[in-house]
Amino acid sequence: MIKVNVNQSYASDGPAVAAFSAACRALDITPQHFSSRNDTPCGSTIGPISAARLGVRAVDIGNPMLSMHSCREMAATSDVAPMIRVLTRLFSEFRGFDSAI
């Protein structure tokens, strides 16, 4: 699950989302995308503040859970292995988001 929000309530930035999406494509994994309505609160400020102060690329990702964000969001035990594969590729080949951008 890649989480983005127009009000920047999540830490995701464009280049980091692109790097994560490229890693998914390379492994033939289709990520889910989550964007909340702009009139409802979501996320927190810790991710965006931390990313901005540290000056690092960030992508707010995670495996979804049943009804955590919406009644249509689902998860399964089969979601764990693809996440591990994507993160392994991302951290072993890209050596961090900045080198992939």
PDB file of N, CA and C in Angstrom:
ATOM      1  N   MET A   1       0.849  -1.163   0.000  1.00  0.00           N
ATOM      2  CA  MET A   1       0.000   0.000   0.000  1.00  0.00           C
ATOM      3  C   MET A   1       0.899   1.232   0.000  1.00  0.00           C
ATOM      4  N   ILE A   2       0.742   2.072  -0.998  1.00  0.00           N
ATOM      5  CA  ILE A   2       1.450   3.357  -1.061  1.00  0.00           C
ATOM      6  C   ILE A   2       0.437   4.419  -0.653  1.00  0.00           C
ATOM      7  N   LYS A   3       0.778   5.178   0.391  1.00  0.00           N
ATOM      8  CA  LYS A   3      -0.164   6.176   0.900  1.00  0.00           C
ATOM      9  C   LYS A   3       0.305   7.582   0.513  1.00  0.00           C
ATOM     10  N   VAL A   4      -0.604   8.342  -0.073  1.00  0.00           N
ATOM     11  CA  VAL A   4      -0.341   9.737  -0.419  1.00  0.00           C
ATOM     12  C   VAL A   4      -1.539  10.586   0.001  1.00  0.00           C
ATOM     13  N   ASN A   5      -1.290  11.853   0.213  1.00  0.00           N
ATOM     14  CA  ASN A   5      -2.354  12.774   0.601  1.00  0.00           C
ATOM     15  C   ASN A   5      -1.998  14.162   0.109  1.00  0.00           C
ATOM     16  N   VAL A   6      -2.953  14.845  -0.482  1.00  0.00           N
ATOM     17  CA  VAL A   6      -2.716  16.173  -1.027  1.00  0.00           C
ATOM     18  C   VAL A   6      -2.309  17.172   0.059  1.00  0.00           C
ATOM     19  N   ASN A   7      -2.752  16.933   1.297  1.00  0.00           N
ATOM     20  CA  ASN A   7      -2.400  17.816   2.410  1.00  0.00           C
ATOM     21  C   ASN A   7      -1.077  17.435   3.053  1.00  0.00           C
ATOM     22  N   GLN A   8      -0.361  16.518   2.440  1.00  0.00           N
ATOM     23  CA  GLN A   8       0.946  16.044   2.904  1.00  0.00           C
ATOM     24  C   GLN A   8       0.891  15.477   4.320  1.00  0.00           C
ATOM     25  N   SER A   9      -0.180  14.746   4.629  1.00  0.00           N
ATOM     26  CA  SER A   9      -0.301  14.086   5.928  1.00  0.00           C
ATOM     27  C   SER A   9       0.538  12.822   5.994  1.00  0.00           C
ATOM     28  N   TYR A  10       0.989  12.333   4.847  1.00  0.00           N
ATOM     29  CA  TYR A  10       1.880  11.181   4.803  1.00  0.00           C
ATOM     30  C   TYR A  10       3.239  11.647   4.319  1.00  0.00           C
ATOM     31  N   ALA A  11       4.261  10.848   4.584  1.00  0.00           N
ATOM     32  CA  ALA A  11       5.631  11.243   4.262  1.00  0.00           C
ATOM     33  C   ALA A  11       5.981  11.096   2.787  1.00  0.00           C
ATOM     34  N   SER A  12       5.148  10.450   1.995  1.00  0.00           N
ATOM     35  CA  SER A  12       5.480  10.138   0.599  1.00  0.00           C
ATOM     36  C   SER A  12       5.796  11.371  -0.225  1.00  0.00           C
ATOM     37  N   ASP A  13       6.892  11.267  -1.013  1.00  0.00           N
ATOM     38  CA  ASP A  13       7.181  12.292  -2.004  1.00  0.00           C
ATOM     39  C   ASP A  13       7.271  11.616  -3.366  1.00  0.00           C
ATOM     40  N   GLY A  14       7.128  12.375  -4.410  1.00  0.00           N
ATOM     41  CA  GLY A  14       7.060  11.829  -5.759  1.00  0.00           C
ATOM     42  C   GLY A  14       8.221  10.938  -6.154  1.00  0.00           C
ATOM     43  N   PRO A  15       9.471  11.386  -6.000  1.00  0.00           N
ATOM     44  CA  PRO A  15      10.597  10.541  -6.405  1.00  0.00           C
ATOM     45  C   PRO A  15      10.680   9.222  -5.629  1.00  0.00           C
ATOM     46  N   ALA A  16      10.366   9.243  -4.345  1.00  0.00           N
ATOM     47  CA  ALA A  16      10.416   8.011  -3.556  1.00  0.00           C
ATOM     48  C   ALA A  16       9.292   7.062  -3.949  1.00  0.00           C
ATOM     49  N   VAL A  17       8.101   7.609  -4.227  1.00  0.00           N
ATOM     50  CA  VAL A  17       6.994   6.773  -4.709  1.00  0.00           C
ATOM     51  C   VAL A  17       7.386   6.149  -6.045  1.00  0.00           C
ATOM     52  N   ALA A  18       8.042   6.917  -6.913  1.00  0.00           N
ATOM     53  CA  ALA A  18       8.474   6.393  -8.212  1.00  0.00           C
ATOM     54  C   ALA A  18       9.492   5.268  -8.044  1.00  0.00           C
ATOM     55  N   ALA A  19      10.439   5.424  -7.112  1.00  0.00           N
ATOM     56  CA  ALA A  19      11.445   4.383  -6.871  1.00  0.00           C
ATOM     57  C   ALA A  19      10.798   3.117  -6.330  1.00  0.00           C
ATOM     58  N   PHE A  20       9.869   3.260  -5.403  1.00  0.00           N
ATOM     59  CA  PHE A  20       9.182   2.092  -4.850  1.00  0.00           C
ATOM     60  C   PHE A  20       8.335   1.413  -5.924  1.00  0.00           C
ATOM     61  N   SER A  21       7.641   2.207  -6.731  1.00  0.00           N
ATOM     62  CA  SER A  21       6.815   1.655  -7.812  1.00  0.00           C
ATOM     63  C   SER A  21       7.676   0.918  -8.835  1.00  0.00           C
ATOM     64  N   ALA A  22       8.864   1.447  -9.135  1.00  0.00           N
ATOM     65  CA  ALA A  22       9.768   0.785 -10.082  1.00  0.00           C
ATOM     66  C   ALA A  22      10.234  -0.563  -9.531  1.00  0.00           C
ATOM     67  N   ALA A  23      10.519  -0.620  -8.235  1.00  0.00           N
ATOM     68  CA  ALA A  23      10.913  -1.888  -7.618  1.00  0.00           C
ATOM     69  C   ALA A  23       9.768  -2.891  -7.698  1.00  0.00           C
ATOM     70  N   CYS A  24       8.546  -2.424  -7.493  1.00  0.00           N
ATOM     71  CA  CYS A  24       7.379  -3.304  -7.614  1.00  0.00           C
ATOM     72  C   CYS A  24       7.242  -3.835  -9.032  1.00  0.00           C
ATOM     73  N   ARG A  25       7.366  -2.946 -10.011  1.00  0.00           N
ATOM     74  CA  ARG A  25       7.233  -3.357 -11.414  1.00  0.00           C
ATOM     75  C   ARG A  25       8.303  -4.385 -11.789  1.00  0.00           C
ATOM     76  N   ALA A  26       9.523  -4.176 -11.316  1.00  0.00           N
ATOM     77  CA  ALA A  26      10.616  -5.096 -11.646  1.00  0.00           C
ATOM     78  C   ALA A  26      10.347  -6.504 -11.125  1.00  0.00           C
ATOM     79  N   LEU A  27       9.562  -6.600 -10.066  1.00  0.00           N
ATOM     80  CA  LEU A  27       9.236  -7.903  -9.476  1.00  0.00           C
ATOM     81  C   LEU A  27       7.846  -8.387  -9.860  1.00  0.00           C
ATOM     82  N   ASP A  28       7.195  -7.663 -10.772  1.00  0.00           N
ATOM     83  CA  ASP A  28       5.832  -7.993 -11.220  1.00  0.00           C
ATOM     84  C   ASP A  28       4.847  -8.007 -10.050  1.00  0.00           C
ATOM     85  N   ILE A  29       4.985  -7.018  -9.189  1.00  0.00           N
ATOM     86  CA  ILE A  29       4.091  -6.842  -8.042  1.00  0.00           C
ATOM     87  C   ILE A  29       3.283  -5.575  -8.274  1.00  0.00           C
ATOM     88  N   THR A  30       1.984  -5.660  -8.105  1.00  0.00           N
ATOM     89  CA  THR A  30       1.119  -4.497  -8.275  1.00  0.00           C
ATOM     90  C   THR A  30       0.753  -3.946  -6.905  1.00  0.00           C
ATOM     91  N   PRO A  31       1.259  -2.762  -6.557  1.00  0.00           N
ATOM     92  CA  PRO A  31       0.928  -2.207  -5.242  1.00  0.00           C
ATOM     93  C   PRO A  31      -0.468  -1.596  -5.235  1.00  0.00           C
ATOM     94  N   GLN A  32      -1.062  -1.563  -4.067  1.00  0.00           N
ATOM     95  CA  GLN A  32      -2.306  -0.824  -3.885  1.00  0.00           C
ATOM     96  C   GLN A  32      -1.934   0.637  -3.641  1.00  0.00           C
ATOM     97  N   HIS A  33      -2.846   1.525  -3.982  1.00  0.00           N
ATOM     98  CA  HIS A  33      -2.636   2.952  -3.718  1.00  0.00           C
ATOM     99  C   HIS A  33      -3.757   3.435  -2.808  1.00  0.00           C
ATOM    100  N   PHE A  34      -3.392   4.247  -1.829  1.00  0.00           N
ATOM    101  CA  PHE A  34      -4.390   4.786  -0.916  1.00  0.00           C
ATOM    102  C   PHE A  34      -4.256   6.302  -0.871  1.00  0.00           C
ATOM    103  N   SER A  35      -5.353   6.963  -1.075  1.00  0.00           N
ATOM    104  CA  SER A  35      -5.410   8.413  -0.933  1.00  0.00           C
ATOM    105  C   SER A  35      -6.731   8.736  -0.261  1.00  0.00           C
ATOM    106  N   SER A  36      -6.654   9.361   0.897  1.00  0.00           N
ATOM    107  CA  SER A  36      -7.883   9.665   1.628  1.00  0.00           C
ATOM    108  C   SER A  36      -8.568  10.887   1.041  1.00  0.00           C
ATOM    109  N   ARG A  37      -9.824  11.013   1.350  1.00  0.00           N
ATOM    110  CA  ARG A  37     -10.553  12.221   0.925  1.00  0.00           C
ATOM    111  C   ARG A  37      -9.892  13.426   1.583  1.00  0.00           C
ATOM    112  N   ASN A  38      -9.931  14.546   0.914  1.00  0.00           N
ATOM    113  CA  ASN A  38      -9.249  15.720   1.465  1.00  0.00           C
ATOM    114  C   ASN A  38     -10.035  16.407   2.575  1.00  0.00           C
ATOM    115  N   ASP A  39     -11.266  15.940   2.872  1.00  0.00           N
ATOM    116  CA  ASP A  39     -12.044  16.560   3.941  1.00  0.00           C
ATOM    117  C   ASP A  39     -12.078  15.694   5.208  1.00  0.00           C
ATOM    118  N   THR A  40     -11.280  14.638   5.251  1.00  0.00           N
ATOM    119  CA  THR A  40     -11.212  13.811   6.445  1.00  0.00           C
ATOM    120  C   THR A  40      -9.766  13.729   6.911  1.00  0.00           C
ATOM    121  N   PRO A  41      -9.531  13.765   8.225  1.00  0.00           N
ATOM    122  CA  PRO A  41      -8.154  13.693   8.717  1.00  0.00           C
ATOM    123  C   PRO A  41      -7.556  12.314   8.454  1.00  0.00           C
ATOM    124  N   CYS A  42      -6.256  12.292   8.248  1.00  0.00           N
ATOM    125  CA  CYS A  42      -5.572  11.024   8.021  1.00  0.00           C
ATOM    126  C   CYS A  42      -4.109  11.181   8.381  1.00  0.00           C
ATOM    127  N   GLY A  43      -3.453  10.044   8.551  1.00  0.00           N
ATOM    128  CA  GLY A  43      -2.022  10.083   8.788  1.00  0.00           C
ATOM    129  C   GLY A  43      -1.654  10.893  10.019  1.00  0.00           C
ATOM    130  N   SER A  44      -0.430  11.277  10.048  1.00  0.00           N
ATOM    131  CA  SER A  44       0.063  12.093  11.150  1.00  0.00           C
ATOM    132  C   SER A  44       1.112  13.038  10.613  1.00  0.00           C
ATOM    133  N   THR A  45       1.636  13.854  11.460  1.00  0.00           N
ATOM    134  CA  THR A  45       2.637  14.817  11.015  1.00  0.00           C
ATOM    135  C   THR A  45       4.056  14.322  11.228  1.00  0.00           C
ATOM    136  N   ILE A  46       4.256  13.227  11.959  1.00  0.00           N
ATOM    137  CA  ILE A  46       5.615  12.788  12.274  1.00  0.00           C
ATOM    138  C   ILE A  46       6.400  12.387  11.027  1.00  0.00           C
ATOM    139  N   GLY A  47       5.778  11.674  10.101  1.00  0.00           N
ATOM    140  CA  GLY A  47       6.476  11.262   8.882  1.00  0.00           C
ATOM    141  C   GLY A  47       6.929  12.433   8.034  1.00  0.00           C
ATOM    142  N   PRO A  48       6.014  13.318   7.643  1.00  0.00           N
ATOM    143  CA  PRO A  48       6.416  14.462   6.822  1.00  0.00           C
ATOM    144  C   PRO A  48       7.409  15.386   7.525  1.00  0.00           C
ATOM    145  N   ILE A  49       7.231  15.607   8.810  1.00  0.00           N
ATOM    146  CA  ILE A  49       8.160  16.485   9.543  1.00  0.00           C
ATOM    147  C   ILE A  49       9.539  15.861   9.604  1.00  0.00           C
ATOM    148  N   SER A  50       9.597  14.574   9.927  1.00  0.00           N
ATOM    149  CA  SER A  50      10.892  13.888  10.002  1.00  0.00           C
ATOM    150  C   SER A  50      11.600  13.902   8.654  1.00  0.00           C
ATOM    151  N   ALA A  51      10.868  13.577   7.584  1.00  0.00           N
ATOM    152  CA  ALA A  51      11.465  13.553   6.253  1.00  0.00           C
ATOM    153  C   ALA A  51      11.981  14.934   5.859  1.00  0.00           C
ATOM    154  N   ALA A  52      11.209  15.967   6.154  1.00  0.00           N
ATOM    155  CA  ALA A  52      11.618  17.328   5.803  1.00  0.00           C
ATOM    156  C   ALA A  52      12.848  17.770   6.601  1.00  0.00           C
ATOM    157  N   ARG A  53      12.866  17.485   7.877  1.00  0.00           N
ATOM    158  CA  ARG A  53      14.001  17.911   8.719  1.00  0.00           C
ATOM    159  C   ARG A  53      15.272  17.128   8.420  1.00  0.00           C
ATOM    160  N   LEU A  54      15.127  15.860   8.068  1.00  0.00           N
ATOM    161  CA  LEU A  54      16.299  15.039   7.763  1.00  0.00           C
ATOM    162  C   LEU A  54      16.754  15.217   6.312  1.00  0.00           C
ATOM    163  N   GLY A  55      15.857  15.723   5.478  1.00  0.00           N
ATOM    164  CA  GLY A  55      16.194  15.921   4.071  1.00  0.00           C
ATOM    165  C   GLY A  55      16.322  14.615   3.304  1.00  0.00           C
ATOM    166  N   VAL A  56      15.523  13.636   3.646  1.00  0.00           N
ATOM    167  CA  VAL A  56      15.577  12.342   2.983  1.00  0.00           C
ATOM    168  C   VAL A  56      14.307  12.111   2.170  1.00  0.00           C
ATOM    169  N   ARG A  57      14.433  11.293   1.140  1.00  0.00           N
ATOM    170  CA  ARG A  57      13.269  10.858   0.386  1.00  0.00           C
ATOM    171  C   ARG A  57      12.483   9.892   1.252  1.00  0.00           C
ATOM    172  N   ALA A  58      11.176   9.909   1.126  1.00  0.00           N
ATOM    173  CA  ALA A  58      10.350   9.014   1.942  1.00  0.00           C
ATOM    174  C   ALA A  58       9.139   8.557   1.160  1.00  0.00           C
ATOM    175  N   VAL A  59       8.767   7.307   1.376  1.00  0.00           N
ATOM    176  CA  VAL A  59       7.540   6.769   0.821  1.00  0.00           C
ATOM    177  C   VAL A  59       6.814   6.079   1.968  1.00  0.00           C
ATOM    178  N   ASP A  60       5.587   6.471   2.185  1.00  0.00           N
ATOM    179  CA  ASP A  60       4.772   5.936   3.274  1.00  0.00           C
ATOM    180  C   ASP A  60       4.089   4.674   2.760  1.00  0.00           C
ATOM    181  N   ILE A  61       4.587   3.531   3.185  1.00  0.00           N
ATOM    182  CA  ILE A  61       4.075   2.252   2.697  1.00  0.00           C
ATOM    183  C   ILE A  61       3.731   1.338   3.862  1.00  0.00           C
ATOM    184  N   GLY A  62       2.993   0.318   3.570  1.00  0.00           N
ATOM    185  CA  GLY A  62       2.686  -0.692   4.575  1.00  0.00           C
ATOM    186  C   GLY A  62       1.694  -1.682   4.024  1.00  0.00           C
ATOM    187  N   ASN A  63       1.607  -2.815   4.670  1.00  0.00           N
ATOM    188  CA  ASN A  63       0.589  -3.779   4.280  1.00  0.00           C
ATOM    189  C   ASN A  63      -0.738  -3.352   4.883  1.00  0.00           C
ATOM    190  N   PRO A  64      -1.782  -3.307   4.072  1.00  0.00           N
ATOM    191  CA  PRO A  64      -3.084  -2.867   4.568  1.00  0.00           C
ATOM    192  C   PRO A  64      -3.723  -3.891   5.502  1.00  0.00           C
ATOM    193  N   MET A  65      -4.605  -3.404   6.338  1.00  0.00           N
ATOM    194  CA  MET A  65      -5.363  -4.279   7.232  1.00  0.00           C
ATOM    195  C   MET A  65      -6.849  -4.039   7.014  1.00  0.00           C
ATOM    196  N   LEU A  66      -7.629  -5.064   7.254  1.00  0.00           N
ATOM    197  CA  LEU A  66      -9.069  -4.960   7.051  1.00  0.00           C
ATOM    198  C   LEU A  66      -9.647  -3.745   7.771  1.00  0.00           C
ATOM    199  N   SER A  67     -10.251  -2.878   7.016  1.00  0.00           N
ATOM    200  CA  SER A  67     -10.952  -1.693   7.521  1.00  0.00           C
ATOM    201  C   SER A  67     -10.080  -0.714   8.296  1.00  0.00           C
ATOM    202  N   MET A  68      -8.766  -0.787   8.129  1.00  0.00           N
ATOM    203  CA  MET A  68      -7.910   0.180   8.818  1.00  0.00           C
ATOM    204  C   MET A  68      -8.139   1.585   8.253  1.00  0.00           C
ATOM    205  N   HIS A  69      -8.231   1.680   6.927  1.00  0.00           N
ATOM    206  CA  HIS A  69      -8.445   2.978   6.292  1.00  0.00           C
ATOM    207  C   HIS A  69      -9.821   3.105   5.662  1.00  0.00           C
ATOM    208  N   SER A  70     -10.364   2.001   5.235  1.00  0.00           N
ATOM    209  CA  SER A  70     -11.697   2.041   4.637  1.00  0.00           C
ATOM    210  C   SER A  70     -12.275   0.630   4.644  1.00  0.00           C
ATOM    211  N   CYS A  71     -13.544   0.550   4.446  1.00  0.00           N
ATOM    212  CA  CYS A  71     -14.207  -0.763   4.438  1.00  0.00           C
ATOM    213  C   CYS A  71     -13.814  -1.584   3.223  1.00  0.00           C
ATOM    214  N   ARG A  72     -13.173  -0.961   2.219  1.00  0.00           N
ATOM    215  CA  ARG A  72     -12.782  -1.675   1.015  1.00  0.00           C
ATOM    216  C   ARG A  72     -11.341  -2.151   1.054  1.00  0.00           C
ATOM    217  N   GLU A  73     -10.609  -1.779   2.059  1.00  0.00           N
ATOM    218  CA  GLU A  73      -9.197  -2.146   2.144  1.00  0.00           C
ATOM    219  C   GLU A  73      -9.058  -3.517   2.790  1.00  0.00           C
ATOM    220  N   MET A  74      -8.346  -4.399   2.127  1.00  0.00           N
ATOM    221  CA  MET A  74      -8.208  -5.775   2.610  1.00  0.00           C
ATOM    222  C   MET A  74      -6.732  -6.159   2.681  1.00  0.00           C
ATOM    223  N   ALA A  75      -6.443  -7.179   3.450  1.00  0.00           N
ATOM    224  CA  ALA A  75      -5.093  -7.716   3.539  1.00  0.00           C
ATOM    225  C   ALA A  75      -5.173  -9.227   3.634  1.00  0.00           C
ATOM    226  N   ALA A  76      -4.072  -9.864   3.340  1.00  0.00           N
ATOM    227  CA  ALA A  76      -4.002 -11.316   3.436  1.00  0.00           C
ATOM    228  C   ALA A  76      -2.579 -11.704   3.832  1.00  0.00           C
ATOM    229  N   THR A  77      -2.425 -12.903   4.313  1.00  0.00           N
ATOM    230  CA  THR A  77      -1.081 -13.366   4.655  1.00  0.00           C
ATOM    231  C   THR A  77      -0.184 -13.381   3.426  1.00  0.00           C
ATOM    232  N   SER A  78      -0.783 -13.509   2.259  1.00  0.00           N
ATOM    233  CA  SER A  78       0.003 -13.508   1.022  1.00  0.00           C
ATOM    234  C   SER A  78       0.577 -12.124   0.692  1.00  0.00           C
ATOM    235  N   ASP A  79       0.170 -11.083   1.421  1.00  0.00           N
ATOM    236  CA  ASP A  79       0.716  -9.736   1.199  1.00  0.00           C
ATOM    237  C   ASP A  79       2.109  -9.575   1.812  1.00  0.00           C
ATOM    238  N   VAL A  80       2.468 -10.419   2.754  1.00  0.00           N
ATOM    239  CA  VAL A  80       3.736 -10.256   3.475  1.00  0.00           C
ATOM    240  C   VAL A  80       4.941 -10.563   2.582  1.00  0.00           C
ATOM    241  N   ALA A  81       4.933 -11.683   1.888  1.00  0.00           N
ATOM    242  CA  ALA A  81       6.078 -12.070   1.062  1.00  0.00           C
ATOM    243  C   ALA A  81       6.396 -11.055  -0.040  1.00  0.00           C
ATOM    244  N   PRO A  82       5.399 -10.524  -0.779  1.00  0.00           N
ATOM    245  CA  PRO A  82       5.721  -9.513  -1.792  1.00  0.00           C
ATOM    246  C   PRO A  82       6.355  -8.244  -1.186  1.00  0.00           C
ATOM    247  N   MET A  83       5.890  -7.843  -0.003  1.00  0.00           N
ATOM    248  CA  MET A  83       6.485  -6.663   0.635  1.00  0.00           C
ATOM    249  C   MET A  83       7.948  -6.927   0.969  1.00  0.00           C
ATOM    250  N   ILE A  84       8.242  -8.104   1.476  1.00  0.00           N
ATOM    251  CA  ILE A  84       9.625  -8.452   1.795  1.00  0.00           C
ATOM    252  C   ILE A  84      10.483  -8.439   0.527  1.00  0.00           C
ATOM    253  N   ARG A  85       9.950  -8.990  -0.567  1.00  0.00           N
ATOM    254  CA  ARG A  85      10.695  -9.008  -1.822  1.00  0.00           C
ATOM    255  C   ARG A  85      10.979  -7.603  -2.339  1.00  0.00           C
ATOM    256  N   VAL A  86       9.972  -6.727  -2.284  1.00  0.00           N
ATOM    257  CA  VAL A  86      10.154  -5.353  -2.768  1.00  0.00           C
ATOM    258  C   VAL A  86      11.163  -4.603  -1.899  1.00  0.00           C
ATOM    259  N   LEU A  87      11.034  -4.710  -0.595  1.00  0.00           N
ATOM    260  CA  LEU A  87      11.971  -4.006   0.291  1.00  0.00           C
ATOM    261  C   LEU A  87      13.385  -4.541   0.147  1.00  0.00           C
ATOM    262  N   THR A  88      13.525  -5.845  -0.018  1.00  0.00           N
ATOM    263  CA  THR A  88      14.858  -6.425  -0.223  1.00  0.00           C
ATOM    264  C   THR A  88      15.482  -5.869  -1.489  1.00  0.00           C
ATOM    265  N   ARG A  89      14.703  -5.827  -2.560  1.00  0.00           N
ATOM    266  CA  ARG A  89      15.224  -5.271  -3.817  1.00  0.00           C
ATOM    267  C   ARG A  89      15.567  -3.796  -3.663  1.00  0.00           C
ATOM    268  N   LEU A  90      14.682  -3.061  -3.055  1.00  0.00           N
ATOM    269  CA  LEU A  90      14.879  -1.621  -2.894  1.00  0.00           C
ATOM    270  C   LEU A  90      16.156  -1.322  -2.124  1.00  0.00           C
ATOM    271  N   PHE A  91      16.353  -2.007  -1.022  1.00  0.00           N
ATOM    272  CA  PHE A  91      17.521  -1.713  -0.181  1.00  0.00           C
ATOM    273  C   PHE A  91      18.805  -2.346  -0.703  1.00  0.00           C
ATOM    274  N   SER A  92      18.728  -3.434  -1.436  1.00  0.00           N
ATOM    275  CA  SER A  92      19.962  -4.047  -1.931  1.00  0.00           C
ATOM    276  C   SER A  92      20.432  -3.431  -3.241  1.00  0.00           C
ATOM    277  N   GLU A  93      19.504  -3.109  -4.141  1.00  0.00           N
ATOM    278  CA  GLU A  93      19.915  -2.556  -5.431  1.00  0.00           C
ATOM    279  C   GLU A  93      20.037  -1.045  -5.423  1.00  0.00           C
ATOM    280  N   PHE A  94      19.126  -0.364  -4.773  1.00  0.00           N
ATOM    281  CA  PHE A  94      19.127   1.089  -4.834  1.00  0.00           C
ATOM    282  C   PHE A  94      20.053   1.713  -3.798  1.00  0.00           C
ATOM    283  N   ARG A  95      20.382   0.975  -2.759  1.00  0.00           N
ATOM    284  CA  ARG A  95      21.222   1.505  -1.681  1.00  0.00           C
ATOM    285  C   ARG A  95      20.681   2.819  -1.138  1.00  0.00           C
ATOM    286  N   GLY A  96      19.376   2.899  -1.050  1.00  0.00           N
ATOM    287  CA  GLY A  96      18.701   4.110  -0.576  1.00  0.00           C
ATOM    288  C   GLY A  96      18.006   4.796  -1.727  1.00  0.00           C
ATOM    289  N   PHE A  97      16.994   5.570  -1.425  1.00  0.00           N
ATOM    290  CA  PHE A  97      16.195   6.211  -2.460  1.00  0.00           C
ATOM    291  C   PHE A  97      16.986   7.243  -3.261  1.00  0.00           C
ATOM    292  N   ASP A  98      17.888   7.984  -2.645  1.00  0.00           N
ATOM    293  CA  ASP A  98      18.577   9.059  -3.354  1.00  0.00           C
ATOM    294  C   ASP A  98      19.419   8.542  -4.511  1.00  0.00           C
ATOM    295  N   SER A  99      20.016   7.347  -4.382  1.00  0.00           N
ATOM    296  CA  SER A  99      20.834   6.838  -5.476  1.00  0.00           C
ATOM    297  C   SER A  99      19.979   6.340  -6.635  1.00  0.00           C
ATOM    298  N   ALA A 100      18.696   6.092  -6.380  1.00  0.00           N
ATOM    299  CA  ALA A 100      17.810   5.613  -7.447  1.00  0.00           C
ATOM    300  C   ALA A 100      17.160   6.754  -8.199  1.00  0.00           C
ATOM    301  N   ILE A 101      17.338   7.947  -7.711  1.00  0.00           N
ATOM    302  CA  ILE A 101      16.639   9.097  -8.293  1.00  0.00           C
ATOM    303  C   ILE A 101      17.598   9.969  -9.075  1.00  0.00           C
TER     304      ILE A 101
END
